[in-house]
Amino acid sequence: GAAKRLTEETGGRVISVSSEKKLAQA
């Protein structure tokens, strides 16, 4: 909830990451 609020109010986005491979993709 906090992540979405910080990003949505400023024009950014949240990307959920579950592994190091997905971190690089994010």
mmCIF file of all heavy atoms, coordinates in Angstrom:
data_MODEL
# 
_entry.id   MODEL 
# 
loop_
_atom_site.group_PDB 
_atom_site.id 
_atom_site.type_symbol 
_atom_site.label_atom_id 
_atom_site.label_alt_id 
_atom_site.label_comp_id 
_atom_site.label_asym_id 
_atom_site.label_entity_id 
_atom_site.label_seq_id 
_atom_site.pdbx_PDB_ins_code 
_atom_site.Cartn_x 
_atom_site.Cartn_y 
_atom_site.Cartn_z 
_atom_site.occupancy 
_atom_site.B_iso_or_equiv 
_atom_site.pdbx_formal_charge 
_atom_site.auth_seq_id 
_atom_site.auth_comp_id 
_atom_site.auth_asym_id 
_atom_site.auth_atom_id 
_atom_site.pdbx_PDB_model_num 
ATOM 1   N N   . GLY A 1 1  ? 0.814  -1.212  0.000   1.00 0.00 ? 1  GLY A N   1 
ATOM 2   C CA  . GLY A 1 1  ? 0.000  0.000   0.000   1.00 0.00 ? 1  GLY A CA  1 
ATOM 3   C C   . GLY A 1 1  ? 0.848  1.262   0.000   1.00 0.00 ? 1  GLY A C   1 
ATOM 4   O O   . GLY A 1 1  ? 0.582  2.207   -0.759  1.00 0.00 ? 1  GLY A O   1 
ATOM 5   N N   . ALA A 1 2  ? 1.887  1.290   0.821   1.00 0.00 ? 2  ALA A N   1 
ATOM 6   C CA  . ALA A 1 2  ? 2.768  2.458   0.866   1.00 0.00 ? 2  ALA A CA  1 
ATOM 7   C C   . ALA A 1 2  ? 3.525  2.615   -0.442  1.00 0.00 ? 2  ALA A C   1 
ATOM 8   O O   . ALA A 1 2  ? 3.690  3.738   -0.942  1.00 0.00 ? 2  ALA A O   1 
ATOM 9   C CB  . ALA A 1 2  ? 3.754  2.320   2.030   1.00 0.00 ? 2  ALA A CB  1 
ATOM 10  N N   . ALA A 1 3  ? 3.981  1.502   -1.000  1.00 0.00 ? 3  ALA A N   1 
ATOM 11  C CA  . ALA A 1 3  ? 4.715  1.559   -2.268  1.00 0.00 ? 3  ALA A CA  1 
ATOM 12  C C   . ALA A 1 3  ? 3.838  2.138   -3.373  1.00 0.00 ? 3  ALA A C   1 
ATOM 13  O O   . ALA A 1 3  ? 4.281  2.996   -4.151  1.00 0.00 ? 3  ALA A O   1 
ATOM 14  C CB  . ALA A 1 3  ? 5.214  0.176   -2.648  1.00 0.00 ? 3  ALA A CB  1 
ATOM 15  N N   . LYS A 1 4  ? 2.591  1.693   -3.450  1.00 0.00 ? 4  LYS A N   1 
ATOM 16  C CA  . LYS A 1 4  ? 1.679  2.192   -4.483  1.00 0.00 ? 4  LYS A CA  1 
ATOM 17  C C   . LYS A 1 4  ? 1.378  3.670   -4.271  1.00 0.00 ? 4  LYS A C   1 
ATOM 18  O O   . LYS A 1 4  ? 1.306  4.444   -5.241  1.00 0.00 ? 4  LYS A O   1 
ATOM 19  C CB  . LYS A 1 4  ? 0.385  1.385   -4.470  1.00 0.00 ? 4  LYS A CB  1 
ATOM 20  C CG  . LYS A 1 4  ? 0.526  -0.010  -5.055  1.00 0.00 ? 4  LYS A CG  1 
ATOM 21  C CD  . LYS A 1 4  ? -0.819 -0.703  -5.141  1.00 0.00 ? 4  LYS A CD  1 
ATOM 22  C CE  . LYS A 1 4  ? -0.697 -2.055  -5.834  1.00 0.00 ? 4  LYS A CE  1 
ATOM 23  N NZ  . LYS A 1 4  ? -2.013 -2.750  -5.926  1.00 0.00 ? 4  LYS A NZ  1 
ATOM 24  N N   . ARG A 1 5  ? 1.214  4.072   -3.041  1.00 0.00 ? 5  ARG A N   1 
ATOM 25  C CA  . ARG A 1 5  ? 0.896  5.473   -2.775  1.00 0.00 ? 5  ARG A CA  1 
ATOM 26  C C   . ARG A 1 5  ? 2.052  6.382   -3.162  1.00 0.00 ? 5  ARG A C   1 
ATOM 27  O O   . ARG A 1 5  ? 1.862  7.436   -3.788  1.00 0.00 ? 5  ARG A O   1 
ATOM 28  C CB  . ARG A 1 5  ? 0.556  5.641   -1.298  1.00 0.00 ? 5  ARG A CB  1 
ATOM 29  C CG  . ARG A 1 5  ? 0.014  7.010   -0.951  1.00 0.00 ? 5  ARG A CG  1 
ATOM 30  C CD  . ARG A 1 5  ? -0.426 7.077   0.486   1.00 0.00 ? 5  ARG A CD  1 
ATOM 31  N NE  . ARG A 1 5  ? -0.834 8.437   0.826   1.00 0.00 ? 5  ARG A NE  1 
ATOM 32  C CZ  . ARG A 1 5  ? -1.108 8.839   2.052   1.00 0.00 ? 5  ARG A CZ  1 
ATOM 33  N NH1 . ARG A 1 5  ? -1.047 7.977   3.067   1.00 0.00 ? 5  ARG A NH1 1 
ATOM 34  N NH2 . ARG A 1 5  ? -1.469 10.093  2.280   1.00 0.00 ? 5  ARG A NH2 1 
ATOM 35  N N   . LEU A 1 6  ? 3.268  5.994   -2.815  1.00 0.00 ? 6  LEU A N   1 
ATOM 36  C CA  . LEU A 1 6  ? 4.446  6.800   -3.143  1.00 0.00 ? 6  LEU A CA  1 
ATOM 37  C C   . LEU A 1 6  ? 4.625  6.945   -4.646  1.00 0.00 ? 6  LEU A C   1 
ATOM 38  O O   . LEU A 1 6  ? 4.980  8.017   -5.150  1.00 0.00 ? 6  LEU A O   1 
ATOM 39  C CB  . LEU A 1 6  ? 5.695  6.162   -2.539  1.00 0.00 ? 6  LEU A CB  1 
ATOM 40  C CG  . LEU A 1 6  ? 5.861  6.278   -1.019  1.00 0.00 ? 6  LEU A CG  1 
ATOM 41  C CD1 . LEU A 1 6  ? 6.904  5.291   -0.528  1.00 0.00 ? 6  LEU A CD1 1 
ATOM 42  C CD2 . LEU A 1 6  ? 6.255  7.700   -0.618  1.00 0.00 ? 6  LEU A CD2 1 
ATOM 43  N N   . THR A 1 7  ? 4.380  5.878   -5.370  1.00 0.00 ? 7  THR A N   1 
ATOM 44  C CA  . THR A 1 7  ? 4.612  5.908   -6.818  1.00 0.00 ? 7  THR A CA  1 
ATOM 45  C C   . THR A 1 7  ? 3.457  6.542   -7.582  1.00 0.00 ? 7  THR A C   1 
ATOM 46  O O   . THR A 1 7  ? 3.675  7.371   -8.466  1.00 0.00 ? 7  THR A O   1 
ATOM 47  C CB  . THR A 1 7  ? 4.871  4.485   -7.347  1.00 0.00 ? 7  THR A CB  1 
ATOM 48  O OG1 . THR A 1 7  ? 3.782  3.614   -6.972  1.00 0.00 ? 7  THR A OG1 1 
ATOM 49  C CG2 . THR A 1 7  ? 6.161  3.923   -6.788  1.00 0.00 ? 7  THR A CG2 1 
ATOM 50  N N   . GLU A 1 8  ? 2.238  6.163   -7.251  1.00 0.00 ? 8  GLU A N   1 
ATOM 51  C CA  . GLU A 1 8  ? 1.088  6.680   -7.993  1.00 0.00 ? 8  GLU A CA  1 
ATOM 52  C C   . GLU A 1 8  ? 0.926  8.183   -7.832  1.00 0.00 ? 8  GLU A C   1 
ATOM 53  O O   . GLU A 1 8  ? 0.568  8.882   -8.786  1.00 0.00 ? 8  GLU A O   1 
ATOM 54  C CB  . GLU A 1 8  ? -0.184 5.954   -7.545  1.00 0.00 ? 8  GLU A CB  1 
ATOM 55  C CG  . GLU A 1 8  ? -0.244 4.497   -8.001  1.00 0.00 ? 8  GLU A CG  1 
ATOM 56  C CD  . GLU A 1 8  ? -1.486 3.776   -7.502  1.00 0.00 ? 8  GLU A CD  1 
ATOM 57  O OE1 . GLU A 1 8  ? -2.274 4.409   -6.750  1.00 0.00 ? 8  GLU A OE1 1 
ATOM 58  O OE2 . GLU A 1 8  ? -1.666 2.597   -7.848  1.00 0.00 ? 8  GLU A OE2 1 
ATOM 59  N N   . GLU A 1 9  ? 1.203  8.718   -6.663  1.00 0.00 ? 9  GLU A N   1 
ATOM 60  C CA  . GLU A 1 9  ? 1.050  10.148  -6.432  1.00 0.00 ? 9  GLU A CA  1 
ATOM 61  C C   . GLU A 1 9  ? 2.122  10.976  -7.137  1.00 0.00 ? 9  GLU A C   1 
ATOM 62  O O   . GLU A 1 9  ? 1.960  12.190  -7.327  1.00 0.00 ? 9  GLU A O   1 
ATOM 63  C CB  . GLU A 1 9  ? 1.072  10.449  -4.932  1.00 0.00 ? 9  GLU A CB  1 
ATOM 64  C CG  . GLU A 1 9  ? -0.143 9.946   -4.172  1.00 0.00 ? 9  GLU A CG  1 
ATOM 65  C CD  . GLU A 1 9  ? -1.432 10.596  -4.645  1.00 0.00 ? 9  GLU A CD  1 
ATOM 66  O OE1 . GLU A 1 9  ? -1.441 11.819  -4.851  1.00 0.00 ? 9  GLU A OE1 1 
ATOM 67  O OE2 . GLU A 1 9  ? -2.427 9.875   -4.819  1.00 0.00 ? 9  GLU A OE2 1 
ATOM 68  N N   . THR A 1 10 ? 3.214  10.341  -7.522  1.00 0.00 ? 10 THR A N   1 
ATOM 69  C CA  . THR A 1 10 ? 4.319  11.084  -8.150  1.00 0.00 ? 10 THR A CA  1 
ATOM 70  C C   . THR A 1 10 ? 4.517  10.731  -9.620  1.00 0.00 ? 10 THR A C   1 
ATOM 71  O O   . THR A 1 10 ? 5.377  11.315  -10.278 1.00 0.00 ? 10 THR A O   1 
ATOM 72  C CB  . THR A 1 10 ? 5.634  10.839  -7.391  1.00 0.00 ? 10 THR A CB  1 
ATOM 73  O OG1 . THR A 1 10 ? 5.964  9.440   -7.455  1.00 0.00 ? 10 THR A OG1 1 
ATOM 74  C CG2 . THR A 1 10 ? 5.520  11.259  -5.939  1.00 0.00 ? 10 THR A CG2 1 
ATOM 75  N N   . GLY A 1 11 ? 3.722  9.789   -10.143 1.00 0.00 ? 11 GLY A N   1 
ATOM 76  C CA  . GLY A 1 11 ? 3.818  9.439   -11.554 1.00 0.00 ? 11 GLY A CA  1 
ATOM 77  C C   . GLY A 1 11 ? 4.728  8.263   -11.853 1.00 0.00 ? 11 GLY A C   1 
ATOM 78  O O   . GLY A 1 11 ? 5.079  8.035   -13.011 1.00 0.00 ? 11 GLY A O   1 
ATOM 79  N N   . GLY A 1 12 ? 5.099  7.507   -10.826 1.00 0.00 ? 12 GLY A N   1 
ATOM 80  C CA  . GLY A 1 12 ? 5.965  6.349   -11.040 1.00 0.00 ? 12 GLY A CA  1 
ATOM 81  C C   . GLY A 1 12 ? 5.196  5.048   -10.976 1.00 0.00 ? 12 GLY A C   1 
ATOM 82  O O   . GLY A 1 12 ? 3.972  5.025   -11.025 1.00 0.00 ? 12 GLY A O   1 
ATOM 83  N N   . ARG A 1 13 ? 5.933  3.969   -10.800 1.00 0.00 ? 13 ARG A N   1 
ATOM 84  C CA  . ARG A 1 13 ? 5.268  2.667   -10.751 1.00 0.00 ? 13 ARG A CA  1 
ATOM 85  C C   . ARG A 1 13 ? 5.994  1.734   -9.793  1.00 0.00 ? 13 ARG A C   1 
ATOM 86  O O   . ARG A 1 13 ? 7.159  1.942   -9.448  1.00 0.00 ? 13 ARG A O   1 
ATOM 87  C CB  . ARG A 1 13 ? 5.195  2.038   -12.140 1.00 0.00 ? 13 ARG A CB  1 
ATOM 88  C CG  . ARG A 1 13 ? 6.529  1.764   -12.786 1.00 0.00 ? 13 ARG A CG  1 
ATOM 89  C CD  . ARG A 1 13 ? 6.361  1.411   -14.265 1.00 0.00 ? 13 ARG A CD  1 
ATOM 90  N NE  . ARG A 1 13 ? 5.658  0.167   -14.466 1.00 0.00 ? 13 ARG A NE  1 
ATOM 91  C CZ  . ARG A 1 13 ? 6.173  -0.870  -15.145 1.00 0.00 ? 13 ARG A CZ  1 
ATOM 92  N NH1 . ARG A 1 13 ? 7.380  -0.793  -15.659 1.00 0.00 ? 13 ARG A NH1 1 
ATOM 93  N NH2 . ARG A 1 13 ? 5.491  -1.971  -15.306 1.00 0.00 ? 13 ARG A NH2 1 
ATOM 94  N N   . VAL A 1 14 ? 5.261  0.706   -9.372  1.00 0.00 ? 14 VAL A N   1 
ATOM 95  C CA  . VAL A 1 14 ? 5.809  -0.343  -8.512  1.00 0.00 ? 14 VAL A CA  1 
ATOM 96  C C   . VAL A 1 14 ? 5.999  -1.597  -9.354  1.00 0.00 ? 14 VAL A C   1 
ATOM 97  O O   . VAL A 1 14 ? 5.113  -1.984  -10.115 1.00 0.00 ? 14 VAL A O   1 
ATOM 98  C CB  . VAL A 1 14 ? 4.859  -0.667  -7.346  1.00 0.00 ? 14 VAL A CB  1 
ATOM 99  C CG1 . VAL A 1 14 ? 5.438  -1.809  -6.502  1.00 0.00 ? 14 VAL A CG1 1 
ATOM 100 C CG2 . VAL A 1 14 ? 4.611  0.544   -6.489  1.00 0.00 ? 14 VAL A CG2 1 
ATOM 101 N N   . ILE A 1 15 ? 7.156  -2.224  -9.212  1.00 0.00 ? 15 ILE A N   1 
ATOM 102 C CA  . ILE A 1 15 ? 7.394  -3.520  -9.842  1.00 0.00 ? 15 ILE A CA  1 
ATOM 103 C C   . ILE A 1 15 ? 7.772  -4.500  -8.742  1.00 0.00 ? 15 ILE A C   1 
ATOM 104 O O   . ILE A 1 15 ? 8.779  -4.307  -8.047  1.00 0.00 ? 15 ILE A O   1 
ATOM 105 C CB  . ILE A 1 15 ? 8.522  -3.458  -10.889 1.00 0.00 ? 15 ILE A CB  1 
ATOM 106 C CG1 . ILE A 1 15 ? 8.202  -2.410  -11.957 1.00 0.00 ? 15 ILE A CG1 1 
ATOM 107 C CG2 . ILE A 1 15 ? 8.726  -4.827  -11.532 1.00 0.00 ? 15 ILE A CG2 1 
ATOM 108 C CD1 . ILE A 1 15 ? 9.297  -2.250  -13.008 1.00 0.00 ? 15 ILE A CD1 1 
ATOM 109 N N   . SER A 1 16 ? 6.958  -5.531  -8.558  1.00 0.00 ? 16 SER A N   1 
ATOM 110 C CA  . SER A 1 16 ? 7.251  -6.538  -7.543  1.00 0.00 ? 16 SER A CA  1 
ATOM 111 C C   . SER A 1 16 ? 8.326  -7.486  -8.046  1.00 0.00 ? 16 SER A C   1 
ATOM 112 O O   . SER A 1 16 ? 8.275  -7.951  -9.194  1.00 0.00 ? 16 SER A O   1 
ATOM 113 C CB  . SER A 1 16 ? 5.982  -7.323  -7.187  1.00 0.00 ? 16 SER A CB  1 
ATOM 114 O OG  . SER A 1 16 ? 5.027  -6.483  -6.562  1.00 0.00 ? 16 SER A OG  1 
ATOM 115 N N   . VAL A 1 17 ? 9.282  -7.783  -7.190  1.00 0.00 ? 17 VAL A N   1 
ATOM 116 C CA  . VAL A 1 17 ? 10.436 -8.589  -7.570  1.00 0.00 ? 17 VAL A CA  1 
ATOM 117 C C   . VAL A 1 17 ? 10.548 -9.771  -6.610  1.00 0.00 ? 17 VAL A C   1 
ATOM 118 O O   . VAL A 1 17 ? 10.536 -9.592  -5.393  1.00 0.00 ? 17 VAL A O   1 
ATOM 119 C CB  . VAL A 1 17 ? 11.733 -7.754  -7.510  1.00 0.00 ? 17 VAL A CB  1 
ATOM 120 C CG1 . VAL A 1 17 ? 12.939 -8.619  -7.812  1.00 0.00 ? 17 VAL A CG1 1 
ATOM 121 C CG2 . VAL A 1 17 ? 11.651 -6.585  -8.483  1.00 0.00 ? 17 VAL A CG2 1 
ATOM 122 N N   . SER A 1 18 ? 10.656 -10.971 -7.173  1.00 0.00 ? 18 SER A N   1 
ATOM 123 C CA  . SER A 1 18 ? 10.724 -12.164 -6.329  1.00 0.00 ? 18 SER A CA  1 
ATOM 124 C C   . SER A 1 18 ? 12.035 -12.930 -6.473  1.00 0.00 ? 18 SER A C   1 
ATOM 125 O O   . SER A 1 18 ? 12.259 -13.906 -5.763  1.00 0.00 ? 18 SER A O   1 
ATOM 126 C CB  . SER A 1 18 ? 9.557  -13.108 -6.665  1.00 0.00 ? 18 SER A CB  1 
ATOM 127 O OG  . SER A 1 18 ? 9.582  -13.467 -8.044  1.00 0.00 ? 18 SER A OG  1 
ATOM 128 N N   . SER A 1 19 ? 12.893 -12.496 -7.400  1.00 0.00 ? 19 SER A N   1 
ATOM 129 C CA  . SER A 1 19 ? 14.165 -13.188 -7.596  1.00 0.00 ? 19 SER A CA  1 
ATOM 130 C C   . SER A 1 19 ? 15.182 -12.219 -8.175  1.00 0.00 ? 19 SER A C   1 
ATOM 131 O O   . SER A 1 19 ? 14.832 -11.143 -8.658  1.00 0.00 ? 19 SER A O   1 
ATOM 132 C CB  . SER A 1 19 ? 13.997 -14.381 -8.543  1.00 0.00 ? 19 SER A CB  1 
ATOM 133 O OG  . SER A 1 19 ? 13.693 -13.937 -9.865  1.00 0.00 ? 19 SER A OG  1 
ATOM 134 N N   . GLU A 1 20 ? 16.455 -12.608 -8.135  1.00 0.00 ? 20 GLU A N   1 
ATOM 135 C CA  . GLU A 1 20 ? 17.499 -11.746 -8.673  1.00 0.00 ? 20 GLU A CA  1 
ATOM 136 C C   . GLU A 1 20 ? 17.333 -11.565 -10.181 1.00 0.00 ? 20 GLU A C   1 
ATOM 137 O O   . GLU A 1 20 ? 17.609 -10.495 -10.722 1.00 0.00 ? 20 GLU A O   1 
ATOM 138 C CB  . GLU A 1 20 ? 18.874 -12.323 -8.346  1.00 0.00 ? 20 GLU A CB  1 
ATOM 139 C CG  . GLU A 1 20 ? 19.236 -12.227 -6.873  1.00 0.00 ? 20 GLU A CG  1 
ATOM 140 C CD  . GLU A 1 20 ? 20.662 -12.606 -6.590  1.00 0.00 ? 20 GLU A CD  1 
ATOM 141 O OE1 . GLU A 1 20 ? 21.450 -12.728 -7.546  1.00 0.00 ? 20 GLU A OE1 1 
ATOM 142 O OE2 . GLU A 1 20 ? 21.015 -12.781 -5.400  1.00 0.00 ? 20 GLU A OE2 1 
ATOM 143 N N   . LYS A 1 21 ? 16.870 -12.613 -10.870 1.00 0.00 ? 21 LYS A N   1 
ATOM 144 C CA  . LYS A 1 21 ? 16.646 -12.511 -12.317 1.00 0.00 ? 21 LYS A CA  1 
ATOM 145 C C   . LYS A 1 21 ? 15.566 -11.470 -12.612 1.00 0.00 ? 21 LYS A C   1 
ATOM 146 O O   . LYS A 1 21 ? 15.712 -10.628 -13.501 1.00 0.00 ? 21 LYS A O   1 
ATOM 147 C CB  . LYS A 1 21 ? 16.241 -13.859 -12.902 1.00 0.00 ? 21 LYS A CB  1 
ATOM 148 C CG  . LYS A 1 21 ? 15.996 -13.831 -14.405 1.00 0.00 ? 21 LYS A CG  1 
ATOM 149 C CD  . LYS A 1 21 ? 15.610 -15.204 -14.932 1.00 0.00 ? 21 LYS A CD  1 
ATOM 150 C CE  . LYS A 1 21 ? 15.338 -15.157 -16.443 1.00 0.00 ? 21 LYS A CE  1 
ATOM 151 N NZ  . LYS A 1 21 ? 14.937 -16.497 -16.961 1.00 0.00 ? 21 LYS A NZ  1 
ATOM 152 N N   . LYS A 1 22 ? 14.481 -11.500 -11.845 1.00 0.00 ? 22 LYS A N   1 
ATOM 153 C CA  . LYS A 1 22 ? 13.403 -10.535 -12.055 1.00 0.00 ? 22 LYS A CA  1 
ATOM 154 C C   . LYS A 1 22 ? 13.819 -9.136  -11.629 1.00 0.00 ? 22 LYS A C   1 
ATOM 155 O O   . LYS A 1 22 ? 13.295 -8.145  -12.141 1.00 0.00 ? 22 LYS A O   1 
ATOM 156 C CB  . LYS A 1 22 ? 12.154 -10.981 -11.296 1.00 0.00 ? 22 LYS A CB  1 
ATOM 157 C CG  . LYS A 1 22 ? 11.499 -12.215 -11.914 1.00 0.00 ? 22 LYS A CG  1 
ATOM 158 C CD  . LYS A 1 22 ? 10.163 -12.531 -11.272 1.00 0.00 ? 22 LYS A CD  1 
ATOM 159 C CE  . LYS A 1 22 ? 9.492  -13.704 -11.974 1.00 0.00 ? 22 LYS A CE  1 
ATOM 160 N NZ  . LYS A 1 22 ? 8.173  -14.038 -11.378 1.00 0.00 ? 22 LYS A NZ  1 
ATOM 161 N N   . LEU A 1 23 ? 14.763 -9.058  -10.703 1.00 0.00 ? 23 LEU A N   1 
ATOM 162 C CA  . LEU A 1 23 ? 15.269 -7.745  -10.299 1.00 0.00 ? 23 LEU A CA  1 
ATOM 163 C C   . LEU A 1 23 ? 15.966 -7.073  -11.472 1.00 0.00 ? 23 LEU A C   1 
ATOM 164 O O   . LEU A 1 23 ? 15.745 -5.891  -11.744 1.00 0.00 ? 23 LEU A O   1 
ATOM 165 C CB  . LEU A 1 23 ? 16.228 -7.896  -9.122  1.00 0.00 ? 23 LEU A CB  1 
ATOM 166 C CG  . LEU A 1 23 ? 16.875 -6.613  -8.593  1.00 0.00 ? 23 LEU A CG  1 
ATOM 167 C CD1 . LEU A 1 23 ? 15.819 -5.652  -8.060  1.00 0.00 ? 23 LEU A CD1 1 
ATOM 168 C CD2 . LEU A 1 23 ? 17.890 -6.936  -7.504  1.00 0.00 ? 23 LEU A CD2 1 
ATOM 169 N N   . ALA A 1 24 ? 16.790 -7.810  -12.180 1.00 0.00 ? 24 ALA A N   1 
ATOM 170 C CA  . ALA A 1 24 ? 17.474 -7.263  -13.352 1.00 0.00 ? 24 ALA A CA  1 
ATOM 171 C C   . ALA A 1 24 ? 16.462 -6.832  -14.411 1.00 0.00 ? 24 ALA A C   1 
ATOM 172 O O   . ALA A 1 24 ? 16.607 -5.778  -15.039 1.00 0.00 ? 24 ALA A O   1 
ATOM 173 C CB  . ALA A 1 24 ? 18.449 -8.286  -13.918 1.00 0.00 ? 24 ALA A CB  1 
ATOM 174 N N   . GLN A 1 25 ? 15.425 -7.645  -14.622 1.00 0.00 ? 25 GLN A N   1 
ATOM 175 C CA  . GLN A 1 25 ? 14.392 -7.309  -15.595 1.00 0.00 ? 25 GLN A CA  1 
ATOM 176 C C   . GLN A 1 25 ? 13.639 -6.039  -15.187 1.00 0.00 ? 25 GLN A C   1 
ATOM 177 O O   . GLN A 1 25 ? 13.304 -5.206  -16.029 1.00 0.00 ? 25 GLN A O   1 
ATOM 178 C CB  . GLN A 1 25 ? 13.414 -8.480  -15.730 1.00 0.00 ? 25 GLN A CB  1 
ATOM 179 C CG  . GLN A 1 25 ? 14.017 -9.735  -16.367 1.00 0.00 ? 25 GLN A CG  1 
ATOM 180 C CD  . GLN A 1 25 ? 13.061 -10.915 -16.343 1.00 0.00 ? 25 GLN A CD  1 
ATOM 181 O OE1 . GLN A 1 25 ? 12.029 -10.892 -15.661 1.00 0.00 ? 25 GLN A OE1 1 
ATOM 182 N NE2 . GLN A 1 25 ? 13.395 -11.962 -17.086 1.00 0.00 ? 25 GLN A NE2 1 
ATOM 183 N N   . ALA A 1 26 ? 13.396 -5.900  -13.884 1.00 0.00 ? 26 ALA A N   1 
ATOM 184 C CA  . ALA A 1 26 ? 12.683 -4.725  -13.387 1.00 0.00 ? 26 ALA A CA  1 
ATOM 185 C C   . ALA A 1 26 ? 13.499 -3.461  -13.624 1.00 0.00 ? 26 ALA A C   1 
ATOM 186 O O   . ALA A 1 26 ? 12.965 -2.428  -14.052 1.00 0.00 ? 26 ALA A O   1 
ATOM 187 C CB  . ALA A 1 26 ? 12.369 -4.892  -11.907 1.00 0.00 ? 26 ALA A CB  1 
# 
